[in-house]
Amino acid sequence: MKRELIERELTEVGPKRRGSPRGRRRTVTVNLGESPLTWLHARGHLDDRQFDAGERLRADYERAQLSPQVTMRWDPVRVDCGAGGGGNDGMTPSECQLSAKDRFDGAMAEAGAGLKDILWRVACGCEALAEAEKGLGWPSRSGKLVLKLALDRVADFYCIR
């Protein structure tokens, strides 16, 4: 799977230090263009197989146009069917969208009922792992293990070795 280069948009963020007489801030530099999966992979928390599975799932989610829309879109739909960039294989844009939705649904079913919640939040919803754990009411640092199990199952579904 060809990885796209992500444009780096760096910014300094951080909480104000409590008890500091001058109100100094402690900041860190973060890349706003970096997805949670990319962040985990870059720091060695996900192997290449798991990362590729998560990116393939996110690509199918976007090709199927499953994200919520604010209003009616009048622009023509441009969908690239091929997961490997091989073109549309003679399919119409609607068929490409349906094919991506079938793959997405199959991958989520393969992940399983207890694992797909965090998988969707991190891979498709682009939530940070800590935010996903908090949103699901899970204890801190429990999500990484569950996410890795889900990504292993999705990699099996997509036949990623």
N, C-alpha and C. Protein backbone atom coordinates (compact mmCIF):
# COMPACT_ATOMS: atom_id res chain seq x y z
N MET A 1 0.85 -1.17 0.00
CA MET A 1 0.00 0.00 0.00
C MET A 1 0.89 1.23 0.00
N LYS A 2 0.66 2.12 -0.90
CA LYS A 2 1.47 3.33 -1.02
C LYS A 2 1.05 4.31 0.07
N ARG A 3 2.02 4.79 0.83
CA ARG A 3 1.73 5.74 1.90
C ARG A 3 1.89 7.15 1.36
N GLU A 4 0.93 7.99 1.67
CA GLU A 4 0.99 9.38 1.25
C GLU A 4 1.76 10.17 2.30
N LEU A 5 2.50 11.15 1.85
CA LEU A 5 3.20 12.02 2.78
C LEU A 5 2.21 13.00 3.37
N ILE A 6 2.27 13.16 4.66
CA ILE A 6 1.36 14.06 5.36
C ILE A 6 2.07 15.39 5.54
N GLU A 7 1.39 16.46 5.13
CA GLU A 7 1.96 17.78 5.30
C GLU A 7 2.01 18.09 6.79
N ARG A 8 3.14 18.58 7.24
CA ARG A 8 3.31 18.87 8.66
C ARG A 8 2.79 20.27 8.98
N GLU A 9 1.88 20.33 9.91
CA GLU A 9 1.37 21.60 10.40
C GLU A 9 1.66 21.63 11.90
N LEU A 10 2.77 22.26 12.26
CA LEU A 10 3.23 22.24 13.63
C LEU A 10 2.68 23.43 14.40
N THR A 11 2.33 23.19 15.65
CA THR A 11 1.88 24.26 16.51
C THR A 11 2.32 23.95 17.93
N GLU A 12 2.42 24.97 18.73
CA GLU A 12 2.79 24.79 20.12
C GLU A 12 1.53 24.83 20.96
N VAL A 13 1.33 23.78 21.76
CA VAL A 13 0.17 23.72 22.64
C VAL A 13 0.63 23.28 24.01
N GLY A 14 -0.20 23.57 25.00
CA GLY A 14 0.12 23.10 26.34
C GLY A 14 -0.66 23.85 27.39
N PRO A 15 -0.82 23.25 28.55
CA PRO A 15 -1.56 23.90 29.63
C PRO A 15 -0.72 24.96 30.33
N LYS A 16 -1.41 25.91 30.93
CA LYS A 16 -0.72 26.92 31.73
C LYS A 16 -0.27 26.26 33.02
N ARG A 17 0.96 26.51 33.43
CA ARG A 17 1.47 25.92 34.66
C ARG A 17 0.80 26.55 35.86
N ARG A 18 0.34 25.71 36.75
CA ARG A 18 -0.26 26.22 37.98
C ARG A 18 0.84 26.62 38.96
N GLY A 19 0.59 27.67 39.69
CA GLY A 19 1.54 28.09 40.72
C GLY A 19 2.74 28.84 40.19
N SER A 20 2.78 29.08 38.90
CA SER A 20 3.90 29.80 38.34
C SER A 20 3.66 31.29 38.53
N PRO A 21 4.61 32.02 39.12
CA PRO A 21 4.38 33.44 39.39
C PRO A 21 4.20 34.26 38.13
N ARG A 22 4.85 33.90 37.06
CA ARG A 22 4.74 34.68 35.83
C ARG A 22 3.75 34.06 34.85
N GLY A 23 3.11 32.98 35.26
CA GLY A 23 2.14 32.34 34.38
C GLY A 23 2.76 31.71 33.15
N ARG A 24 4.00 31.23 33.29
CA ARG A 24 4.66 30.60 32.15
C ARG A 24 3.88 29.38 31.69
N ARG A 25 4.04 29.09 30.44
CA ARG A 25 3.37 27.93 29.87
C ARG A 25 4.39 26.87 29.53
N ARG A 26 4.02 25.65 29.77
CA ARG A 26 4.84 24.52 29.31
C ARG A 26 4.20 24.04 28.02
N THR A 27 4.94 24.03 26.95
CA THR A 27 4.36 23.68 25.65
C THR A 27 5.11 22.52 25.01
N VAL A 28 4.43 21.88 24.10
CA VAL A 28 5.03 20.85 23.26
C VAL A 28 4.63 21.15 21.83
N THR A 29 5.41 20.70 20.89
CA THR A 29 5.10 20.89 19.48
C THR A 29 4.39 19.65 18.97
N VAL A 30 3.23 19.85 18.36
CA VAL A 30 2.47 18.73 17.79
C VAL A 30 2.22 18.99 16.32
N ASN A 31 2.08 17.91 15.58
CA ASN A 31 1.77 17.99 14.16
C ASN A 31 0.27 17.78 14.00
N LEU A 32 -0.46 18.83 13.64
CA LEU A 32 -1.91 18.75 13.52
C LEU A 32 -2.35 17.89 12.35
N GLY A 33 -1.48 17.66 11.38
CA GLY A 33 -1.83 16.85 10.23
C GLY A 33 -1.60 15.36 10.43
N GLU A 34 -1.14 14.97 11.61
CA GLU A 34 -0.79 13.59 11.87
C GLU A 34 -2.00 12.85 12.47
N SER A 35 -2.34 11.72 11.89
CA SER A 35 -3.47 10.94 12.40
C SER A 35 -3.02 10.17 13.65
N PRO A 36 -3.98 9.74 14.47
CA PRO A 36 -3.61 8.95 15.65
C PRO A 36 -2.87 7.66 15.29
N LEU A 37 -3.25 7.02 14.19
CA LEU A 37 -2.55 5.80 13.78
C LEU A 37 -1.11 6.11 13.39
N THR A 38 -0.90 7.20 12.68
CA THR A 38 0.45 7.60 12.28
C THR A 38 1.29 7.90 13.52
N TRP A 39 0.69 8.57 14.49
CA TRP A 39 1.38 8.89 15.73
C TRP A 39 1.82 7.61 16.44
N LEU A 40 0.91 6.65 16.57
CA LEU A 40 1.23 5.39 17.25
C LEU A 40 2.30 4.60 16.49
N HIS A 41 2.19 4.60 15.16
CA HIS A 41 3.16 3.86 14.33
C HIS A 41 4.54 4.50 14.41
N ALA A 42 4.60 5.81 14.36
CA ALA A 42 5.89 6.52 14.38
C ALA A 42 6.63 6.31 15.69
N ARG A 43 5.90 6.02 16.75
CA ARG A 43 6.52 5.83 18.05
C ARG A 43 6.68 4.36 18.43
N GLY A 44 6.45 3.47 17.45
CA GLY A 44 6.69 2.05 17.65
C GLY A 44 5.60 1.28 18.37
N HIS A 45 4.43 1.89 18.55
CA HIS A 45 3.33 1.19 19.24
C HIS A 45 2.55 0.28 18.30
N LEU A 46 2.62 0.53 17.00
CA LEU A 46 1.97 -0.32 16.00
C LEU A 46 3.03 -0.79 15.01
N ASP A 47 2.94 -2.05 14.60
CA ASP A 47 3.86 -2.52 13.57
C ASP A 47 3.32 -2.13 12.19
N ASP A 48 4.11 -2.39 11.15
CA ASP A 48 3.71 -1.98 9.79
C ASP A 48 2.41 -2.63 9.35
N ARG A 49 2.22 -3.89 9.69
CA ARG A 49 1.01 -4.62 9.31
C ARG A 49 -0.24 -3.99 9.93
N GLN A 50 -0.17 -3.66 11.21
CA GLN A 50 -1.31 -3.05 11.89
C GLN A 50 -1.58 -1.65 11.34
N PHE A 51 -0.53 -0.90 11.09
CA PHE A 51 -0.70 0.44 10.54
C PHE A 51 -1.35 0.39 9.16
N ASP A 52 -0.86 -0.51 8.29
CA ASP A 52 -1.43 -0.64 6.95
C ASP A 52 -2.89 -1.06 7.01
N ALA A 53 -3.24 -1.94 7.94
CA ALA A 53 -4.64 -2.36 8.09
C ALA A 53 -5.51 -1.19 8.51
N GLY A 54 -5.04 -0.38 9.44
CA GLY A 54 -5.80 0.78 9.88
C GLY A 54 -5.97 1.81 8.77
N GLU A 55 -4.92 2.02 7.99
CA GLU A 55 -5.02 2.97 6.87
C GLU A 55 -5.94 2.45 5.78
N ARG A 56 -5.93 1.15 5.53
CA ARG A 56 -6.82 0.57 4.53
C ARG A 56 -8.27 0.70 4.98
N LEU A 57 -8.53 0.47 6.27
CA LEU A 57 -9.88 0.62 6.82
C LEU A 57 -10.35 2.07 6.69
N ARG A 58 -9.48 3.01 7.04
CA ARG A 58 -9.84 4.43 6.94
C ARG A 58 -10.10 4.83 5.49
N ALA A 59 -9.30 4.30 4.56
CA ALA A 59 -9.49 4.60 3.14
C ALA A 59 -10.85 4.08 2.66
N ASP A 60 -11.23 2.87 3.07
CA ASP A 60 -12.54 2.34 2.69
C ASP A 60 -13.66 3.16 3.31
N TYR A 61 -13.46 3.61 4.55
CA TYR A 61 -14.45 4.45 5.23
C TYR A 61 -14.66 5.75 4.44
N GLU A 62 -13.56 6.34 3.98
CA GLU A 62 -13.66 7.59 3.23
C GLU A 62 -14.21 7.36 1.83
N ARG A 63 -13.82 6.27 1.16
CA ARG A 63 -14.34 5.96 -0.17
C ARG A 63 -15.84 5.68 -0.14
N ALA A 64 -16.29 5.06 0.94
CA ALA A 64 -17.72 4.76 1.09
C ALA A 64 -18.51 5.99 1.50
N GLN A 65 -17.82 7.07 1.82
CA GLN A 65 -18.42 8.34 2.21
C GLN A 65 -19.38 8.16 3.38
N LEU A 66 -18.88 7.49 4.43
CA LEU A 66 -19.69 7.20 5.60
C LEU A 66 -19.64 8.28 6.66
N SER A 67 -18.74 9.24 6.53
CA SER A 67 -18.66 10.29 7.54
C SER A 67 -19.89 11.19 7.46
N PRO A 68 -20.30 11.75 8.59
CA PRO A 68 -21.51 12.60 8.59
C PRO A 68 -21.30 13.85 7.74
N GLN A 69 -22.34 14.24 7.06
CA GLN A 69 -22.32 15.45 6.23
C GLN A 69 -23.18 16.52 6.89
N VAL A 70 -22.77 17.74 6.79
CA VAL A 70 -23.50 18.84 7.40
C VAL A 70 -24.72 19.22 6.58
N THR A 71 -24.58 19.21 5.29
CA THR A 71 -25.66 19.63 4.41
C THR A 71 -25.58 18.85 3.10
N MET A 72 -26.47 19.11 2.21
CA MET A 72 -26.47 18.45 0.90
C MET A 72 -25.24 18.89 0.12
N ARG A 73 -24.61 17.94 -0.52
CA ARG A 73 -23.45 18.26 -1.35
C ARG A 73 -23.88 18.20 -2.80
N TRP A 74 -23.61 19.25 -3.54
CA TRP A 74 -24.02 19.33 -4.93
C TRP A 74 -22.87 19.07 -5.89
N ASP A 75 -21.65 18.97 -5.36
CA ASP A 75 -20.52 18.73 -6.24
C ASP A 75 -20.52 17.25 -6.68
N PRO A 76 -20.01 16.99 -7.87
CA PRO A 76 -20.00 15.60 -8.34
C PRO A 76 -19.08 14.73 -7.48
N VAL A 77 -19.50 13.49 -7.28
CA VAL A 77 -18.74 12.57 -6.45
C VAL A 77 -17.56 12.02 -7.26
N ARG A 78 -16.38 12.13 -6.70
CA ARG A 78 -15.18 11.59 -7.32
C ARG A 78 -14.62 10.54 -6.38
N VAL A 79 -14.73 9.30 -6.78
CA VAL A 79 -14.30 8.20 -5.92
C VAL A 79 -13.27 7.36 -6.66
N ASP A 80 -12.15 7.09 -6.01
CA ASP A 80 -11.14 6.19 -6.54
C ASP A 80 -11.37 4.83 -5.91
N CYS A 81 -11.74 3.84 -6.72
CA CYS A 81 -12.09 2.52 -6.20
C CYS A 81 -10.91 1.73 -5.72
N GLY A 82 -9.85 1.78 -6.45
CA GLY A 82 -8.76 0.84 -6.22
C GLY A 82 -8.02 1.06 -4.92
N ALA A 83 -7.95 0.02 -4.11
CA ALA A 83 -7.17 0.11 -2.88
C ALA A 83 -5.69 0.21 -3.19
N GLY A 84 -5.28 -0.39 -4.31
CA GLY A 84 -3.88 -0.32 -4.69
C GLY A 84 -3.63 0.69 -5.77
N GLY A 85 -4.61 1.53 -6.08
CA GLY A 85 -4.45 2.55 -7.11
C GLY A 85 -4.55 1.98 -8.51
N GLY A 86 -5.19 0.82 -8.66
CA GLY A 86 -5.29 0.16 -9.95
C GLY A 86 -6.42 0.65 -10.81
N GLY A 87 -7.08 1.72 -10.44
CA GLY A 87 -8.18 2.23 -11.24
C GLY A 87 -9.51 1.72 -10.75
N ASN A 88 -10.53 1.94 -11.56
CA ASN A 88 -11.89 1.62 -11.16
C ASN A 88 -12.33 0.22 -11.54
N ASP A 89 -11.54 -0.51 -12.29
CA ASP A 89 -11.90 -1.85 -12.73
C ASP A 89 -13.24 -1.87 -13.45
N GLY A 90 -13.55 -0.80 -14.19
CA GLY A 90 -14.78 -0.73 -14.96
C GLY A 90 -16.02 -0.44 -14.13
N MET A 91 -15.86 -0.02 -12.88
CA MET A 91 -17.01 0.25 -12.02
C MET A 91 -17.38 1.73 -12.06
N THR A 92 -18.66 1.99 -11.88
CA THR A 92 -19.13 3.37 -11.78
C THR A 92 -18.80 3.90 -10.39
N PRO A 93 -18.85 5.21 -10.19
CA PRO A 93 -18.59 5.75 -8.85
C PRO A 93 -19.52 5.17 -7.78
N SER A 94 -20.77 4.93 -8.12
CA SER A 94 -21.70 4.35 -7.14
C SER A 94 -21.29 2.93 -6.78
N GLU A 95 -20.85 2.16 -7.77
CA GLU A 95 -20.40 0.80 -7.49
C GLU A 95 -19.13 0.80 -6.65
N CYS A 96 -18.25 1.76 -6.91
CA CYS A 96 -17.03 1.90 -6.10
C CYS A 96 -17.38 2.19 -4.65
N GLN A 97 -18.34 3.08 -4.45
CA GLN A 97 -18.76 3.45 -3.11
C GLN A 97 -19.38 2.25 -2.39
N LEU A 98 -20.22 1.50 -3.07
CA LEU A 98 -20.84 0.32 -2.47
C LEU A 98 -19.80 -0.76 -2.17
N SER A 99 -18.84 -0.92 -3.05
CA SER A 99 -17.78 -1.90 -2.83
C SER A 99 -16.95 -1.53 -1.59
N ALA A 100 -16.63 -0.25 -1.45
CA ALA A 100 -15.88 0.21 -0.28
C ALA A 100 -16.69 0.00 1.00
N LYS A 101 -17.99 0.25 0.94
CA LYS A 101 -18.84 0.04 2.11
C LYS A 101 -18.90 -1.43 2.49
N ASP A 102 -18.97 -2.31 1.50
CA ASP A 102 -18.97 -3.75 1.79
C ASP A 102 -17.66 -4.18 2.45
N ARG A 103 -16.53 -3.66 1.94
CA ARG A 103 -15.23 -3.99 2.54
C ARG A 103 -15.15 -3.45 3.96
N PHE A 104 -15.60 -2.22 4.17
CA PHE A 104 -15.59 -1.61 5.50
C PHE A 104 -16.44 -2.42 6.47
N ASP A 105 -17.66 -2.76 6.06
CA ASP A 105 -18.54 -3.53 6.93
C ASP A 105 -17.94 -4.90 7.25
N GLY A 106 -17.32 -5.53 6.26
CA GLY A 106 -16.68 -6.83 6.48
C GLY A 106 -15.52 -6.74 7.44
N ALA A 107 -14.72 -5.69 7.30
CA ALA A 107 -13.56 -5.51 8.19
C ALA A 107 -14.02 -5.24 9.62
N MET A 108 -15.05 -4.44 9.78
CA MET A 108 -15.56 -4.14 11.12
C MET A 108 -16.18 -5.39 11.75
N ALA A 109 -16.86 -6.20 10.95
CA ALA A 109 -17.42 -7.44 11.46
C ALA A 109 -16.31 -8.40 11.88
N GLU A 110 -15.22 -8.43 11.12
CA GLU A 110 -14.08 -9.27 11.44
C GLU A 110 -13.43 -8.82 12.75
N ALA A 111 -13.42 -7.52 13.00
CA ALA A 111 -12.83 -7.00 14.24
C ALA A 111 -13.60 -7.51 15.45
N GLY A 112 -14.91 -7.57 15.35
CA GLY A 112 -15.71 -8.09 16.44
C GLY A 112 -16.37 -7.01 17.28
N ALA A 113 -17.37 -7.43 18.02
CA ALA A 113 -18.22 -6.50 18.77
C ALA A 113 -17.45 -5.73 19.84
N GLY A 114 -16.56 -6.37 20.57
CA GLY A 114 -15.87 -5.67 21.64
C GLY A 114 -14.69 -4.84 21.19
N LEU A 115 -14.25 -5.03 19.95
CA LEU A 115 -13.04 -4.35 19.49
C LEU A 115 -13.32 -3.22 18.50
N LYS A 116 -14.44 -3.29 17.81
CA LYS A 116 -14.67 -2.32 16.74
C LYS A 116 -14.98 -0.92 17.24
N ASP A 117 -15.37 -0.77 18.49
CA ASP A 117 -15.67 0.57 19.02
C ASP A 117 -14.43 1.45 19.01
N ILE A 118 -13.36 0.96 19.60
CA ILE A 118 -12.14 1.77 19.65
C ILE A 118 -11.48 1.84 18.28
N LEU A 119 -11.62 0.78 17.49
CA LEU A 119 -11.07 0.77 16.14
C LEU A 119 -11.67 1.89 15.31
N TRP A 120 -12.99 2.03 15.35
CA TRP A 120 -13.64 3.08 14.57
C TRP A 120 -13.23 4.46 15.08
N ARG A 121 -13.22 4.64 16.39
CA ARG A 121 -12.90 5.96 16.95
C ARG A 121 -11.49 6.42 16.57
N VAL A 122 -10.52 5.50 16.61
CA VAL A 122 -9.13 5.89 16.35
C VAL A 122 -8.82 5.92 14.86
N ALA A 123 -9.20 4.86 14.12
CA ALA A 123 -8.83 4.77 12.71
C ALA A 123 -9.71 5.65 11.83
N CYS A 124 -11.01 5.68 12.05
CA CYS A 124 -11.92 6.42 11.17
C CYS A 124 -12.31 7.78 11.74
N GLY A 125 -12.56 7.84 13.03
CA GLY A 125 -12.96 9.09 13.66
C GLY A 125 -11.78 9.98 14.01
N CYS A 126 -10.56 9.46 13.88
CA CYS A 126 -9.32 10.19 14.16
C CYS A 126 -9.29 10.79 15.57
N GLU A 127 -9.81 10.03 16.54
CA GLU A 127 -9.71 10.45 17.93
C GLU A 127 -8.38 9.95 18.48
N ALA A 128 -7.80 10.72 19.35
CA ALA A 128 -6.59 10.26 20.05
C ALA A 128 -6.97 9.08 20.93
N LEU A 129 -6.03 8.22 21.19
CA LEU A 129 -6.30 7.01 21.96
C LEU A 129 -6.85 7.35 23.35
N ALA A 130 -6.30 8.34 24.00
CA ALA A 130 -6.77 8.73 25.34
C ALA A 130 -8.21 9.24 25.30
N GLU A 131 -8.54 10.01 24.26
CA GLU A 131 -9.91 10.52 24.11
C GLU A 131 -10.89 9.38 23.85
N ALA A 132 -10.47 8.41 23.04
CA ALA A 132 -11.33 7.26 22.73
C ALA A 132 -11.59 6.44 24.00
N GLU A 133 -10.55 6.22 24.79
CA GLU A 133 -10.72 5.49 26.05
C GLU A 133 -11.69 6.21 26.97
N LYS A 134 -11.53 7.51 27.06
CA LYS A 134 -12.40 8.30 27.93
C LYS A 134 -13.84 8.28 27.42
N GLY A 135 -14.02 8.40 26.10
CA GLY A 135 -15.35 8.37 25.52
C GLY A 135 -16.06 7.04 25.70
N LEU A 136 -15.30 5.97 25.75
CA LEU A 136 -15.87 4.64 25.94
C LEU A 136 -15.99 4.27 27.42
N GLY A 137 -15.45 5.11 28.29
CA GLY A 137 -15.51 4.84 29.72
C GLY A 137 -14.54 3.75 30.15
N TRP A 138 -13.44 3.60 29.41
CA TRP A 138 -12.45 2.58 29.71
C TRP A 138 -11.37 3.15 30.61
N PRO A 139 -10.65 2.30 31.33
CA PRO A 139 -9.51 2.78 32.12
C PRO A 139 -8.39 3.28 31.21
N SER A 140 -7.57 4.16 31.74
CA SER A 140 -6.43 4.67 30.98
C SER A 140 -5.51 3.53 30.57
N ARG A 141 -4.96 3.67 29.39
CA ARG A 141 -3.96 2.76 28.84
C ARG A 141 -4.47 1.36 28.55
N SER A 142 -5.79 1.20 28.47
CA SER A 142 -6.33 -0.11 28.11
C SER A 142 -6.62 -0.18 26.61
N GLY A 143 -6.75 0.95 25.97
CA GLY A 143 -7.17 0.99 24.58
C GLY A 143 -6.14 0.52 23.59
N LYS A 144 -4.85 0.70 23.90
CA LYS A 144 -3.81 0.34 22.94
C LYS A 144 -3.81 -1.16 22.66
N LEU A 145 -3.95 -1.97 23.69
CA LEU A 145 -3.97 -3.42 23.51
C LEU A 145 -5.19 -3.85 22.70
N VAL A 146 -6.34 -3.29 23.01
CA VAL A 146 -7.57 -3.63 22.30
C VAL A 146 -7.48 -3.18 20.84
N LEU A 147 -6.93 -2.00 20.61
CA LEU A 147 -6.76 -1.49 19.25
C LEU A 147 -5.84 -2.40 18.45
N LYS A 148 -4.75 -2.84 19.05
CA LYS A 148 -3.82 -3.72 18.34
C LYS A 148 -4.47 -5.06 17.98
N LEU A 149 -5.29 -5.60 18.87
CA LEU A 149 -6.01 -6.84 18.57
C LEU A 149 -6.98 -6.63 17.40
N ALA A 150 -7.69 -5.50 17.42
CA ALA A 150 -8.63 -5.20 16.34
C ALA A 150 -7.90 -5.02 15.02
N LEU A 151 -6.77 -4.32 15.03
CA LEU A 151 -6.01 -4.11 13.80
C LEU A 151 -5.43 -5.41 13.25
N ASP A 152 -5.06 -6.33 14.13
CA ASP A 152 -4.59 -7.64 13.67
C ASP A 152 -5.71 -8.39 12.94
N ARG A 153 -6.92 -8.32 13.47
CA ARG A 153 -8.05 -8.98 12.82
C ARG A 153 -8.37 -8.32 11.47
N VAL A 154 -8.30 -7.00 11.42
CA VAL A 154 -8.57 -6.29 10.17
C VAL A 154 -7.48 -6.60 9.15
N ALA A 155 -6.23 -6.73 9.59
CA ALA A 155 -5.15 -7.10 8.68
C ALA A 155 -5.40 -8.49 8.09
N ASP A 156 -5.92 -9.41 8.89
CA ASP A 156 -6.29 -10.74 8.39
C ASP A 156 -7.39 -10.62 7.34
N PHE A 157 -8.37 -9.75 7.59
CA PHE A 157 -9.48 -9.56 6.65
C PHE A 157 -8.95 -9.04 5.31
N TYR A 158 -8.06 -8.07 5.34
CA TYR A 158 -7.51 -7.48 4.12
C TYR A 158 -6.35 -8.30 3.55
N CYS A 159 -6.00 -9.41 4.16
CA CYS A 159 -4.91 -10.29 3.72
C CYS A 159 -3.57 -9.54 3.65
N ILE A 160 -3.30 -8.75 4.67
CA ILE A 160 -2.04 -8.01 4.76
C ILE A 160 -1.05 -8.87 5.53
N ARG A 161 0.09 -9.11 4.94
CA ARG A 161 1.11 -9.96 5.59
C ARG A 161 2.27 -9.14 6.03
